[in-house]
Amino acid sequence: MKRSLTRCSVSSVWESKMQDIEIYILGGLALFTLWFIRHTINYYYGQKRKLKQLHRFAKEGDLEAQQHLAKRYRRGDMVRKSCEQAAFWYQRAAFSGDEEAKGFLQQFFENHKKRC
């Protein structure tokens, strides 16, 4: 009879410890999830802020900003993919003397019906 009581008490202690460990694991996962969501949101707003500044600089005539903005429109990076907008910004960069932009515009007009 004593032997069965010790087995029960050992198994209940073991189950109690496992429940404590499960609680710590769930708590850790919850904290990680909150941290991940927070940093994802901060990254998103940071990218949107960069994009807004990129538009401002590109409108002011900054060649590098025009190139980056055109590439973002061509790839659809944080903006809706638009070949027309990409061509517009590449055209503005080409008028400023960028050779890469001239090459892209030539390719765009040759393959006008295809996607960029």
PDB file of N, CA and C in Angstrom:
ATOM      1  N   MET A   1       0.808  -1.191   0.000  1.00  0.00           N
ATOM      2  CA  MET A   1       0.000   0.000   0.000  1.00  0.00           C
ATOM      3  C   MET A   1       0.861   1.270   0.000  1.00  0.00           C
ATOM      4  N   LYS A   2       1.941   1.252   0.777  1.00  0.00           N
ATOM      5  CA  LYS A   2       2.820   2.406   0.816  1.00  0.00           C
ATOM      6  C   LYS A   2       3.465   2.645  -0.546  1.00  0.00           C
ATOM      7  N   ARG A   3       3.754   1.566  -1.204  1.00  0.00           N
ATOM      8  CA  ARG A   3       4.430   1.681  -2.486  1.00  0.00           C
ATOM      9  C   ARG A   3       3.556   2.411  -3.512  1.00  0.00           C
ATOM     10  N   SER A   4       2.302   2.164  -3.558  1.00  0.00           N
ATOM     11  CA  SER A   4       1.407   2.828  -4.501  1.00  0.00           C
ATOM     12  C   SER A   4       1.221   4.299  -4.149  1.00  0.00           C
ATOM     13  N   LEU A   5       1.267   4.635  -2.858  1.00  0.00           N
ATOM     14  CA  LEU A   5       1.149   6.039  -2.465  1.00  0.00           C
ATOM     15  C   LEU A   5       2.363   6.833  -2.912  1.00  0.00           C
ATOM     16  N   THR A   6       3.528   6.269  -2.808  1.00  0.00           N
ATOM     17  CA  THR A   6       4.720   6.995  -3.229  1.00  0.00           C
ATOM     18  C   THR A   6       4.734   7.177  -4.743  1.00  0.00           C
ATOM     19  N   ARG A   7       4.267   6.163  -5.456  1.00  0.00           N
ATOM     20  CA  ARG A   7       4.194   6.316  -6.908  1.00  0.00           C
ATOM     21  C   ARG A   7       3.213   7.419  -7.288  1.00  0.00           C
ATOM     22  N   CYS A   8       2.097   7.482  -6.628  1.00  0.00           N
ATOM     23  CA  CYS A   8       1.104   8.521  -6.903  1.00  0.00           C
ATOM     24  C   CYS A   8       1.657   9.891  -6.549  1.00  0.00           C
ATOM     25  N   SER A   9       2.320  10.006  -5.449  1.00  0.00           N
ATOM     26  CA  SER A   9       2.840  11.306  -5.040  1.00  0.00           C
ATOM     27  C   SER A   9       3.968  11.746  -5.964  1.00  0.00           C
ATOM     28  N   VAL A  10       4.801  10.819  -6.425  1.00  0.00           N
ATOM     29  CA  VAL A  10       5.881  11.156  -7.355  1.00  0.00           C
ATOM     30  C   VAL A  10       5.293  11.575  -8.694  1.00  0.00           C
ATOM     31  N   SER A  11       4.310  10.849  -9.178  1.00  0.00           N
ATOM     32  CA  SER A  11       3.719  11.202 -10.461  1.00  0.00           C
ATOM     33  C   SER A  11       2.952  12.524 -10.378  1.00  0.00           C
ATOM     34  N   SER A  12       2.305  12.813  -9.252  1.00  0.00           N
ATOM     35  CA  SER A  12       1.596  14.091  -9.130  1.00  0.00           C
ATOM     36  C   SER A  12       2.578  15.255  -9.042  1.00  0.00           C
ATOM     37  N   VAL A  13       3.715  15.041  -8.400  1.00  0.00           N
ATOM     38  CA  VAL A  13       4.752  16.083  -8.345  1.00  0.00           C
ATOM     39  C   VAL A  13       5.297  16.314  -9.754  1.00  0.00           C
ATOM     40  N   TRP A  14       5.539  15.225 -10.478  1.00  0.00           N
ATOM     41  CA  TRP A  14       6.052  15.330 -11.841  1.00  0.00           C
ATOM     42  C   TRP A  14       5.050  16.058 -12.743  1.00  0.00           C
ATOM     43  N   GLU A  15       3.767  15.722 -12.628  1.00  0.00           N
ATOM     44  CA  GLU A  15       2.730  16.393 -13.419  1.00  0.00           C
ATOM     45  C   GLU A  15       2.647  17.868 -13.064  1.00  0.00           C
ATOM     46  N   SER A  16       2.788  18.182 -11.801  1.00  0.00           N
ATOM     47  CA  SER A  16       2.756  19.572 -11.362  1.00  0.00           C
ATOM     48  C   SER A  16       3.911  20.360 -11.973  1.00  0.00           C
ATOM     49  N   LYS A  17       5.105  19.769 -11.996  1.00  0.00           N
ATOM     50  CA  LYS A  17       6.263  20.444 -12.583  1.00  0.00           C
ATOM     51  C   LYS A  17       6.080  20.623 -14.089  1.00  0.00           C
ATOM     52  N   MET A  18       5.515  19.626 -14.746  1.00  0.00           N
ATOM     53  CA  MET A  18       5.281  19.728 -16.185  1.00  0.00           C
ATOM     54  C   MET A  18       4.266  20.828 -16.500  1.00  0.00           C
ATOM     55  N   GLN A  19       3.264  20.974 -15.669  1.00  0.00           N
ATOM     56  CA  GLN A  19       2.286  22.037 -15.877  1.00  0.00           C
ATOM     57  C   GLN A  19       2.942  23.403 -15.703  1.00  0.00           C
ATOM     58  N   ASP A  20       3.844  23.512 -14.731  1.00  0.00           N
ATOM     59  CA  ASP A  20       4.564  24.770 -14.540  1.00  0.00           C
ATOM     60  C   ASP A  20       5.421  25.091 -15.762  1.00  0.00           C
ATOM     61  N   ILE A  21       6.098  24.077 -16.295  1.00  0.00           N
ATOM     62  CA  ILE A  21       6.931  24.288 -17.479  1.00  0.00           C
ATOM     63  C   ILE A  21       6.065  24.690 -18.666  1.00  0.00           C
ATOM     64  N   GLU A  22       4.921  24.076 -18.836  1.00  0.00           N
ATOM     65  CA  GLU A  22       4.019  24.423 -19.934  1.00  0.00           C
ATOM     66  C   GLU A  22       3.551  25.864 -19.821  1.00  0.00           C
ATOM     67  N   ILE A  23       3.279  26.302 -18.617  1.00  0.00           N
ATOM     68  CA  ILE A  23       2.850  27.691 -18.407  1.00  0.00           C
ATOM     69  C   ILE A  23       3.963  28.651 -18.803  1.00  0.00           C
ATOM     70  N   TYR A  24       5.213  28.344 -18.427  1.00  0.00           N
ATOM     71  CA  TYR A  24       6.341  29.196 -18.802  1.00  0.00           C
ATOM     72  C   TYR A  24       6.544  29.212 -20.317  1.00  0.00           C
ATOM     73  N   ILE A  25       6.392  28.073 -20.942  1.00  0.00           N
ATOM     74  CA  ILE A  25       6.539  28.011 -22.403  1.00  0.00           C
ATOM     75  C   ILE A  25       5.448  28.828 -23.083  1.00  0.00           C
ATOM     76  N   LEU A  26       4.214  28.680 -22.638  1.00  0.00           N
ATOM     77  CA  LEU A  26       3.117  29.466 -23.228  1.00  0.00           C
ATOM     78  C   LEU A  26       3.314  30.954 -22.985  1.00  0.00           C
ATOM     79  N   GLY A  27       3.767  31.311 -21.809  1.00  0.00           N
ATOM     80  CA  GLY A  27       4.041  32.724 -21.517  1.00  0.00           C
ATOM     81  C   GLY A  27       5.139  33.267 -22.408  1.00  0.00           C
ATOM     82  N   GLY A  28       6.192  32.484 -22.599  1.00  0.00           N
ATOM     83  CA  GLY A  28       7.281  32.897 -23.488  1.00  0.00           C
ATOM     84  C   GLY A  28       6.821  33.058 -24.921  1.00  0.00           C
ATOM     85  N   LEU A  29       6.006  32.132 -25.389  1.00  0.00           N
ATOM     86  CA  LEU A  29       5.474  32.243 -26.752  1.00  0.00           C
ATOM     87  C   LEU A  29       4.572  33.462 -26.905  1.00  0.00           C
ATOM     88  N   ALA A  30       3.789  33.748 -25.890  1.00  0.00           N
ATOM     89  CA  ALA A  30       2.929  34.933 -25.945  1.00  0.00           C
ATOM     90  C   ALA A  30       3.770  36.211 -25.998  1.00  0.00           C
ATOM     91  N   LEU A  31       4.817  36.287 -25.186  1.00  0.00           N
ATOM     92  CA  LEU A  31       5.692  37.468 -25.209  1.00  0.00           C
ATOM     93  C   LEU A  31       6.404  37.602 -26.554  1.00  0.00           C
ATOM     94  N   PHE A  32       6.887  36.481 -27.081  1.00  0.00           N
ATOM     95  CA  PHE A  32       7.547  36.528 -28.388  1.00  0.00           C
ATOM     96  C   PHE A  32       6.580  36.994 -29.470  1.00  0.00           C
ATOM     97  N   THR A  33       5.348  36.507 -29.434  1.00  0.00           N
ATOM     98  CA  THR A  33       4.348  36.903 -30.430  1.00  0.00           C
ATOM     99  C   THR A  33       4.081  38.408 -30.357  1.00  0.00           C
ATOM    100  N   LEU A  34       3.928  38.934 -29.163  1.00  0.00           N
ATOM    101  CA  LEU A  34       3.708  40.378 -29.005  1.00  0.00           C
ATOM    102  C   LEU A  34       4.909  41.175 -29.506  1.00  0.00           C
ATOM    103  N   TRP A  35       6.122  40.713 -29.161  1.00  0.00           N
ATOM    104  CA  TRP A  35       7.337  41.384 -29.621  1.00  0.00           C
ATOM    105  C   TRP A  35       7.407  41.380 -31.142  1.00  0.00           C
ATOM    106  N   PHE A  36       7.105  40.230 -31.752  1.00  0.00           N
ATOM    107  CA  PHE A  36       7.173  40.102 -33.202  1.00  0.00           C
ATOM    108  C   PHE A  36       6.169  41.019 -33.890  1.00  0.00           C
ATOM    109  N   ILE A  37       4.954  41.062 -33.376  1.00  0.00           N
ATOM    110  CA  ILE A  37       3.920  41.934 -33.961  1.00  0.00           C
ATOM    111  C   ILE A  37       4.337  43.388 -33.857  1.00  0.00           C
ATOM    112  N   ARG A  38       4.845  43.777 -32.708  1.00  0.00           N
ATOM    113  CA  ARG A  38       5.266  45.172 -32.496  1.00  0.00           C
ATOM    114  C   ARG A  38       6.371  45.563 -33.470  1.00  0.00           C
ATOM    115  N   HIS A  39       7.366  44.710 -33.624  1.00  0.00           N
ATOM    116  CA  HIS A  39       8.468  45.040 -34.512  1.00  0.00           C
ATOM    117  C   HIS A  39       8.060  44.992 -35.984  1.00  0.00           C
ATOM    118  N   THR A  40       7.132  44.146 -36.343  1.00  0.00           N
ATOM    119  CA  THR A  40       6.635  44.117 -37.707  1.00  0.00           C
ATOM    120  C   THR A  40       5.895  45.408 -38.033  1.00  0.00           C
ATOM    121  N   ILE A  41       5.081  45.869 -37.118  1.00  0.00           N
ATOM    122  CA  ILE A  41       4.349  47.125 -37.323  1.00  0.00           C
ATOM    123  C   ILE A  41       5.319  48.295 -37.415  1.00  0.00           C
ATOM    124  N   ASN A  42       6.314  48.331 -36.536  1.00  0.00           N
ATOM    125  CA  ASN A  42       7.311  49.406 -36.584  1.00  0.00           C
ATOM    126  C   ASN A  42       8.074  49.387 -37.904  1.00  0.00           C
ATOM    127  N   TYR A  43       8.416  48.199 -38.390  1.00  0.00           N
ATOM    128  CA  TYR A  43       9.113  48.089 -39.679  1.00  0.00           C
ATOM    129  C   TYR A  43       8.235  48.621 -40.806  1.00  0.00           C
ATOM    130  N   TYR A  44       6.951  48.251 -40.796  1.00  0.00           N
ATOM    131  CA  TYR A  44       6.024  48.697 -41.833  1.00  0.00           C
ATOM    132  C   TYR A  44       5.921  50.219 -41.854  1.00  0.00           C
ATOM    133  N   TYR A  45       5.726  50.823 -40.690  1.00  0.00           N
ATOM    134  CA  TYR A  45       5.609  52.280 -40.642  1.00  0.00           C
ATOM    135  C   TYR A  45       6.922  52.959 -41.012  1.00  0.00           C
ATOM    136  N   GLY A  46       8.037  52.343 -40.664  1.00  0.00           N
ATOM    137  CA  GLY A  46       9.335  52.887 -41.059  1.00  0.00           C
ATOM    138  C   GLY A  46       9.508  52.871 -42.567  1.00  0.00           C
ATOM    139  N   GLN A  47       9.086  51.785 -43.212  1.00  0.00           N
ATOM    140  CA  GLN A  47       9.173  51.701 -44.665  1.00  0.00           C
ATOM    141  C   GLN A  47       8.249  52.717 -45.334  1.00  0.00           C
ATOM    142  N   LYS A  48       7.061  52.893 -44.778  1.00  0.00           N
ATOM    143  CA  LYS A  48       6.140  53.887 -45.340  1.00  0.00           C
ATOM    144  C   LYS A  48       6.717  55.300 -45.200  1.00  0.00           C
ATOM    145  N   ARG A  49       7.359  55.561 -44.083  1.00  0.00           N
ATOM    146  CA  ARG A  49       7.986  56.868 -43.861  1.00  0.00           C
ATOM    147  C   ARG A  49       9.117  57.078 -44.869  1.00  0.00           C
ATOM    148  N   LYS A  50       9.916  56.045 -45.115  1.00  0.00           N
ATOM    149  CA  LYS A  50      10.993  56.132 -46.105  1.00  0.00           C
ATOM    150  C   LYS A  50      10.428  56.401 -47.492  1.00  0.00           C
ATOM    151  N   LEU A  51       9.336  55.713 -47.819  1.00  0.00           N
ATOM    152  CA  LEU A  51       8.725  55.875 -49.130  1.00  0.00           C
ATOM    153  C   LEU A  51       8.202  57.296 -49.324  1.00  0.00           C
ATOM    154  N   LYS A  52       7.621  57.854 -48.288  1.00  0.00           N
ATOM    155  CA  LYS A  52       7.115  59.230 -48.357  1.00  0.00           C
ATOM    156  C   LYS A  52       8.261  60.212 -48.598  1.00  0.00           C
ATOM    157  N   GLN A  53       9.378  60.007 -47.897  1.00  0.00           N
ATOM    158  CA  GLN A  53      10.538  60.871 -48.102  1.00  0.00           C
ATOM    159  C   GLN A  53      11.140  60.654 -49.492  1.00  0.00           C
ATOM    160  N   LEU A  54      11.113  59.419 -49.958  1.00  0.00           N
ATOM    161  CA  LEU A  54      11.625  59.117 -51.287  1.00  0.00           C
ATOM    162  C   LEU A  54      10.823  59.866 -52.350  1.00  0.00           C
ATOM    163  N   HIS A  55       9.506  59.889 -52.194  1.00  0.00           N
ATOM    164  CA  HIS A  55       8.655  60.660 -53.122  1.00  0.00           C
ATOM    165  C   HIS A  55       9.021  62.143 -53.075  1.00  0.00           C
ATOM    166  N   ARG A  56       9.193  62.657 -51.888  1.00  0.00           N
ATOM    167  CA  ARG A  56       9.519  64.085 -51.756  1.00  0.00           C
ATOM    168  C   ARG A  56      10.838  64.417 -52.448  1.00  0.00           C
ATOM    169  N   PHE A  57      11.866  63.592 -52.195  1.00  0.00           N
ATOM    170  CA  PHE A  57      13.172  63.854 -52.797  1.00  0.00           C
ATOM    171  C   PHE A  57      13.134  63.662 -54.310  1.00  0.00           C
ATOM    172  N   ALA A  58      12.391  62.658 -54.774  1.00  0.00           N
ATOM    173  CA  ALA A  58      12.298  62.415 -56.215  1.00  0.00           C
ATOM    174  C   ALA A  58      11.608  63.580 -56.915  1.00  0.00           C
ATOM    175  N   LYS A  59      10.568  64.123 -56.306  1.00  0.00           N
ATOM    176  CA  LYS A  59       9.879  65.272 -56.895  1.00  0.00           C
ATOM    177  C   LYS A  59      10.779  66.499 -56.936  1.00  0.00           C
ATOM    178  N   GLU A  60      11.703  66.588 -55.981  1.00  0.00           N
ATOM    179  CA  GLU A  60      12.641  67.715 -55.955  1.00  0.00           C
ATOM    180  C   GLU A  60      13.766  67.546 -56.965  1.00  0.00           C
ATOM    181  N   GLY A  61      13.872  66.356 -57.594  1.00  0.00           N
ATOM    182  CA  GLY A  61      14.853  66.138 -58.646  1.00  0.00           C
ATOM    183  C   GLY A  61      16.062  65.321 -58.250  1.00  0.00           C
ATOM    184  N   ASP A  62      16.049  64.696 -57.103  1.00  0.00           N
ATOM    185  CA  ASP A  62      17.177  63.866 -56.670  1.00  0.00           C
ATOM    186  C   ASP A  62      17.233  62.611 -57.539  1.00  0.00           C
ATOM    187  N   LEU A  63      18.345  62.439 -58.259  1.00  0.00           N
ATOM    188  CA  LEU A  63      18.490  61.341 -59.213  1.00  0.00           C
ATOM    189  C   LEU A  63      18.423  59.982 -58.525  1.00  0.00           C
ATOM    190  N   GLU A  64      19.113  59.824 -57.410  1.00  0.00           N
ATOM    191  CA  GLU A  64      19.120  58.545 -56.698  1.00  0.00           C
ATOM    192  C   GLU A  64      17.721  58.186 -56.185  1.00  0.00           C
ATOM    193  N   ALA A  65      16.999  59.177 -55.699  1.00  0.00           N
ATOM    194  CA  ALA A  65      15.639  58.934 -55.217  1.00  0.00           C
ATOM    195  C   ALA A  65      14.724  58.517 -56.364  1.00  0.00           C
ATOM    196  N   GLN A  66      14.898  59.122 -57.516  1.00  0.00           N
ATOM    197  CA  GLN A  66      14.094  58.753 -58.678  1.00  0.00           C
ATOM    198  C   GLN A  66      14.372  57.311 -59.101  1.00  0.00           C
ATOM    199  N   GLN A  67      15.646  56.910 -59.067  1.00  0.00           N
ATOM    200  CA  GLN A  67      16.000  55.535 -59.416  1.00  0.00           C
ATOM    201  C   GLN A  67      15.361  54.547 -58.440  1.00  0.00           C
ATOM    202  N   HIS A  68      15.503  54.815 -57.142  1.00  0.00           N
ATOM    203  CA  HIS A  68      14.961  53.905 -56.133  1.00  0.00           C
ATOM    204  C   HIS A  68      13.438  53.825 -56.218  1.00  0.00           C
ATOM    205  N   LEU A  69      12.811  54.955 -56.449  1.00  0.00           N
ATOM    206  CA  LEU A  69      11.356  54.963 -56.548  1.00  0.00           C
ATOM    207  C   LEU A  69      10.892  54.183 -57.785  1.00  0.00           C
ATOM    208  N   ALA A  70      11.589  54.349 -58.895  1.00  0.00           N
ATOM    209  CA  ALA A  70      11.242  53.602 -60.110  1.00  0.00           C
ATOM    210  C   ALA A  70      11.403  52.101 -59.885  1.00  0.00           C
ATOM    211  N   LYS A  71      12.471  51.710 -59.205  1.00  0.00           N
ATOM    212  CA  LYS A  71      12.684  50.282 -58.924  1.00  0.00           C
ATOM    213  C   LYS A  71      11.592  49.740 -58.010  1.00  0.00           C
ATOM    214  N   ARG A  72      11.179  50.536 -57.039  1.00  0.00           N
ATOM    215  CA  ARG A  72      10.109  50.088 -56.141  1.00  0.00           C
ATOM    216  C   ARG A  72       8.806  49.882 -56.904  1.00  0.00           C
ATOM    217  N   TYR A  73       8.490  50.804 -57.799  1.00  0.00           N
ATOM    218  CA  TYR A  73       7.269  50.645 -58.596  1.00  0.00           C
ATOM    219  C   TYR A  73       7.379  49.455 -59.542  1.00  0.00           C
ATOM    220  N   ARG A  74       8.554  49.226 -60.092  1.00  0.00           N
ATOM    221  CA  ARG A  74       8.727  48.094 -61.012  1.00  0.00           C
ATOM    222  C   ARG A  74       8.577  46.764 -60.283  1.00  0.00           C
ATOM    223  N   ARG A  75       9.120  46.663 -59.060  1.00  0.00           N
ATOM    224  CA  ARG A  75       9.048  45.415 -58.285  1.00  0.00           C
ATOM    225  C   ARG A  75       7.771  45.299 -57.457  1.00  0.00           C
ATOM    226  N   GLY A  76       7.127  46.429 -57.162  1.00  0.00           N
ATOM    227  CA  GLY A  76       5.963  46.410 -56.279  1.00  0.00           C
ATOM    228  C   GLY A  76       6.378  46.352 -54.827  1.00  0.00           C
ATOM    229  N   ASP A  77       7.459  47.009 -54.476  1.00  0.00           N
ATOM    230  CA  ASP A  77       8.014  46.996 -53.126  1.00  0.00           C
ATOM    231  C   ASP A  77       7.405  48.135 -52.299  1.00  0.00           C
ATOM    232  N   MET A  78       6.455  47.798 -51.423  1.00  0.00           N
ATOM    233  CA  MET A  78       5.748  48.742 -50.541  1.00  0.00           C
ATOM    234  C   MET A  78       4.833  49.705 -51.312  1.00  0.00           C
ATOM    235  N   VAL A  79       4.691  49.513 -52.611  1.00  0.00           N
ATOM    236  CA  VAL A  79       3.746  50.275 -53.434  1.00  0.00           C
ATOM    237  C   VAL A  79       3.062  49.289 -54.369  1.00  0.00           C
ATOM    238  N   ARG A  80       1.968  49.695 -54.936  1.00  0.00           N
ATOM    239  CA  ARG A  80       1.301  48.834 -55.920  1.00  0.00           C
ATOM    240  C   ARG A  80       2.159  48.801 -57.188  1.00  0.00           C
ATOM    241  N   LYS A  81       2.414  47.622 -57.692  1.00  0.00           N
ATOM    242  CA  LYS A  81       3.254  47.468 -58.876  1.00  0.00           C
ATOM    243  C   LYS A  81       2.613  48.195 -60.044  1.00  0.00           C
ATOM    244  N   SER A  82       3.404  49.057 -60.679  1.00  0.00           N
ATOM    245  CA  SER A  82       2.880  49.849 -61.784  1.00  0.00           C
ATOM    246  C   SER A  82       4.005  50.130 -62.770  1.00  0.00           C
ATOM    247  N   CYS A  83       3.880  49.562 -63.949  1.00  0.00           N
ATOM    248  CA  CYS A  83       4.883  49.799 -64.988  1.00  0.00           C
ATOM    249  C   CYS A  83       4.870  51.254 -65.445  1.00  0.00           C
ATOM    250  N   GLU A  84       3.677  51.862 -65.467  1.00  0.00           N
ATOM    251  CA  GLU A  84       3.567  53.245 -65.900  1.00  0.00           C
ATOM    252  C   GLU A  84       4.276  54.188 -64.930  1.00  0.00           C
ATOM    253  N   GLN A  85       4.079  53.958 -63.630  1.00  0.00           N
ATOM    254  CA  GLN A  85       4.765  54.794 -62.642  1.00  0.00           C
ATOM    255  C   GLN A  85       6.273  54.561 -62.690  1.00  0.00           C
ATOM    256  N   ALA A  86       6.672  53.303 -62.880  1.00  0.00           N
ATOM    257  CA  ALA A  86       8.100  52.996 -62.993  1.00  0.00           C
ATOM    258  C   ALA A  86       8.693  53.713 -64.201  1.00  0.00           C
ATOM    259  N   ALA A  87       7.977  53.664 -65.324  1.00  0.00           N
ATOM    260  CA  ALA A  87       8.461  54.337 -66.533  1.00  0.00           C
ATOM    261  C   ALA A  87       8.531  55.850 -66.318  1.00  0.00           C
ATOM    262  N   PHE A  88       7.541  56.402 -65.620  1.00  0.00           N
ATOM    263  CA  PHE A  88       7.541  57.841 -65.346  1.00  0.00           C
ATOM    264  C   PHE A  88       8.782  58.244 -64.566  1.00  0.00           C
ATOM    265  N   TRP A  89       9.095  57.497 -63.483  1.00  0.00           N
ATOM    266  CA  TRP A  89      10.249  57.867 -62.663  1.00  0.00           C
ATOM    267  C   TRP A  89      11.558  57.553 -63.370  1.00  0.00           C
ATOM    268  N   TYR A  90      11.585  56.487 -64.183  1.00  0.00           N
ATOM    269  CA  TYR A  90      12.784  56.225 -64.972  1.00  0.00           C
ATOM    270  C   TYR A  90      12.985  57.326 -66.011  1.00  0.00           C
ATOM    271  N   GLN A  91      11.888  57.835 -66.563  1.00  0.00           N
ATOM    272  CA  GLN A  91      11.991  58.912 -67.541  1.00  0.00           C
ATOM    273  C   GLN A  91      12.557  60.168 -66.891  1.00  0.00           C
ATOM    274  N   ARG A  92      12.092  60.488 -65.714  1.00  0.00           N
ATOM    275  CA  ARG A  92      12.623  61.662 -65.011  1.00  0.00           C
ATOM    276  C   ARG A  92      14.100  61.475 -64.692  1.00  0.00           C
ATOM    277  N   ALA A  93      14.486  60.244 -64.323  1.00  0.00           N
ATOM    278  CA  ALA A  93      15.899  59.972 -64.043  1.00  0.00           C
ATOM    279  C   ALA A  93      16.714  60.023 -65.333  1.00  0.00           C
ATOM    280  N   ALA A  94      16.138  59.549 -66.431  1.00  0.00           N
ATOM    281  CA  ALA A  94      16.848  59.572 -67.710  1.00  0.00           C
ATOM    282  C   ALA A  94      17.079  61.000 -68.176  1.00  0.00           C
ATOM    283  N   PHE A  95      16.107  61.864 -67.958  1.00  0.00           N
ATOM    284  CA  PHE A  95      16.292  63.268 -68.329  1.00  0.00           C
ATOM    285  C   PHE A  95      17.391  63.925 -67.495  1.00  0.00           C
ATOM    286  N   SER A  96      17.649  63.357 -66.318  1.00  0.00           N
ATOM    287  CA  SER A  96      18.726  63.878 -65.476  1.00  0.00           C
ATOM    288  C   SER A  96      20.077  63.287 -65.860  1.00  0.00           C
ATOM    289  N   GLY A  97      20.086  62.314 -66.786  1.00  0.00           N
ATOM    290  CA  GLY A  97      21.336  61.775 -67.300  1.00  0.00           C
ATOM    291  C   GLY A  97      21.684  60.378 -66.817  1.00  0.00           C
ATOM    292  N   ASP A  98      20.748  59.636 -66.270  1.00  0.00           N
ATOM    293  CA  ASP A  98      21.029  58.290 -65.777  1.00  0.00           C
ATOM    294  C   ASP A  98      20.969  57.294 -66.924  1.00  0.00           C
ATOM    295  N   GLU A  99      22.071  56.553 -67.149  1.00  0.00           N
ATOM    296  CA  GLU A  99      22.147  55.591 -68.245  1.00  0.00           C
ATOM    297  C   GLU A  99      21.281  54.358 -67.994  1.00  0.00           C
ATOM    298  N   GLU A 100      21.219  53.887 -66.746  1.00  0.00           N
ATOM    299  CA  GLU A 100      20.393  52.721 -66.418  1.00  0.00           C
ATOM    300  C   GLU A 100      18.922  53.010 -66.705  1.00  0.00           C
ATOM    301  N   ALA A 101      18.496  54.206 -66.389  1.00  0.00           N
ATOM    302  CA  ALA A 101      17.109  54.595 -66.626  1.00  0.00           C
ATOM    303  C   ALA A 101      16.816  54.646 -68.126  1.00  0.00           C
ATOM    304  N   LYS A 102      17.784  55.130 -68.911  1.00  0.00           N
ATOM    305  CA  LYS A 102      17.593  55.163 -70.369  1.00  0.00           C
ATOM    306  C   LYS A 102      17.445  53.754 -70.924  1.00  0.00           C
ATOM    307  N   GLY A 103      18.258  52.828 -70.407  1.00  0.00           N
ATOM    308  CA  GLY A 103      18.166  51.441 -70.848  1.00  0.00           C
ATOM    309  C   GLY A 103      16.832  50.817 -70.487  1.00  0.00           C
ATOM    310  N   PHE A 104      16.351  51.098 -69.286  1.00  0.00           N
ATOM    311  CA  PHE A 104      15.049  50.552 -68.890  1.00  0.00           C
ATOM    312  C   PHE A 104      13.941  51.122 -69.751  1.00  0.00           C
ATOM    313  N   LEU A 105      13.985  52.420 -70.030  1.00  0.00           N
ATOM    314  CA  LEU A 105      12.935  53.020 -70.863  1.00  0.00           C
ATOM    315  C   LEU A 105      12.933  52.424 -72.265  1.00  0.00           C
ATOM    316  N   GLN A 106      14.118  52.214 -72.821  1.00  0.00           N
ATOM    317  CA  GLN A 106      14.190  51.608 -74.150  1.00  0.00           C
ATOM    318  C   GLN A 106      13.590  50.210 -74.122  1.00  0.00           C
ATOM    319  N   GLN A 107      13.913  49.436 -73.111  1.00  0.00           N
ATOM    320  CA  GLN A 107      13.363  48.081 -72.968  1.00  0.00           C
ATOM    321  C   GLN A 107      11.850  48.143 -72.766  1.00  0.00           C
ATOM    322  N   PHE A 108      11.376  49.108 -71.993  1.00  0.00           N
ATOM    323  CA  PHE A 108       9.941  49.249 -71.727  1.00  0.00           C
ATOM    324  C   PHE A 108       9.172  49.550 -73.013  1.00  0.00           C
ATOM    325  N   PHE A 109       9.698  50.443 -73.838  1.00  0.00           N
ATOM    326  CA  PHE A 109       8.993  50.803 -75.067  1.00  0.00           C
ATOM    327  C   PHE A 109       9.060  49.695 -76.117  1.00  0.00           C
ATOM    328  N   GLU A 110      10.131  48.894 -76.113  1.00  0.00           N
ATOM    329  CA  GLU A 110      10.220  47.776 -77.050  1.00  0.00           C
ATOM    330  C   GLU A 110       9.228  46.671 -76.680  1.00  0.00           C
ATOM    331  N   ASN A 111       9.071  46.419 -75.389  1.00  0.00           N
ATOM    332  CA  ASN A 111       8.174  45.361 -74.896  1.00  0.00           C
ATOM    333  C   ASN A 111       6.935  45.982 -74.255  1.00  0.00           C
ATOM    334  N   HIS A 112       6.324  46.931 -74.934  1.00  0.00           N
ATOM    335  CA  HIS A 112       5.246  47.703 -74.330  1.00  0.00           C
ATOM    336  C   HIS A 112       4.078  46.842 -73.856  1.00  0.00           C
ATOM    337  N   LYS A 113       3.742  45.788 -74.602  1.00  0.00           N
ATOM    338  CA  LYS A 113       2.593  44.983 -74.216  1.00  0.00           C
ATOM    339  C   LYS A 113       2.913  43.972 -73.126  1.00  0.00           C
ATOM    340  N   LYS A 114       4.190  43.691 -72.933  1.00  0.00           N
ATOM    341  CA  LYS A 114       4.582  42.756 -71.878  1.00  0.00           C
ATOM    342  C   LYS A 114       4.670  43.493 -70.544  1.00  0.00           C
ATOM    343  N   ARG A 115       4.720  42.709 -69.501  1.00  0.00           N
ATOM    344  CA  ARG A 115       4.867  43.324 -68.164  1.00  0.00           C
ATOM    345  C   ARG A 115       6.306  43.782 -67.972  1.00  0.00           C
ATOM    346  N   CYS A 116       6.475  44.713 -67.053  1.00  0.00           N
ATOM    347  CA  CYS A 116       7.830  45.209 -66.799  1.00  0.00           C
ATOM    348  C   CYS A 116       8.597  44.312 -65.867  1.00  0.00           C
TER     349      CYS A 116
END
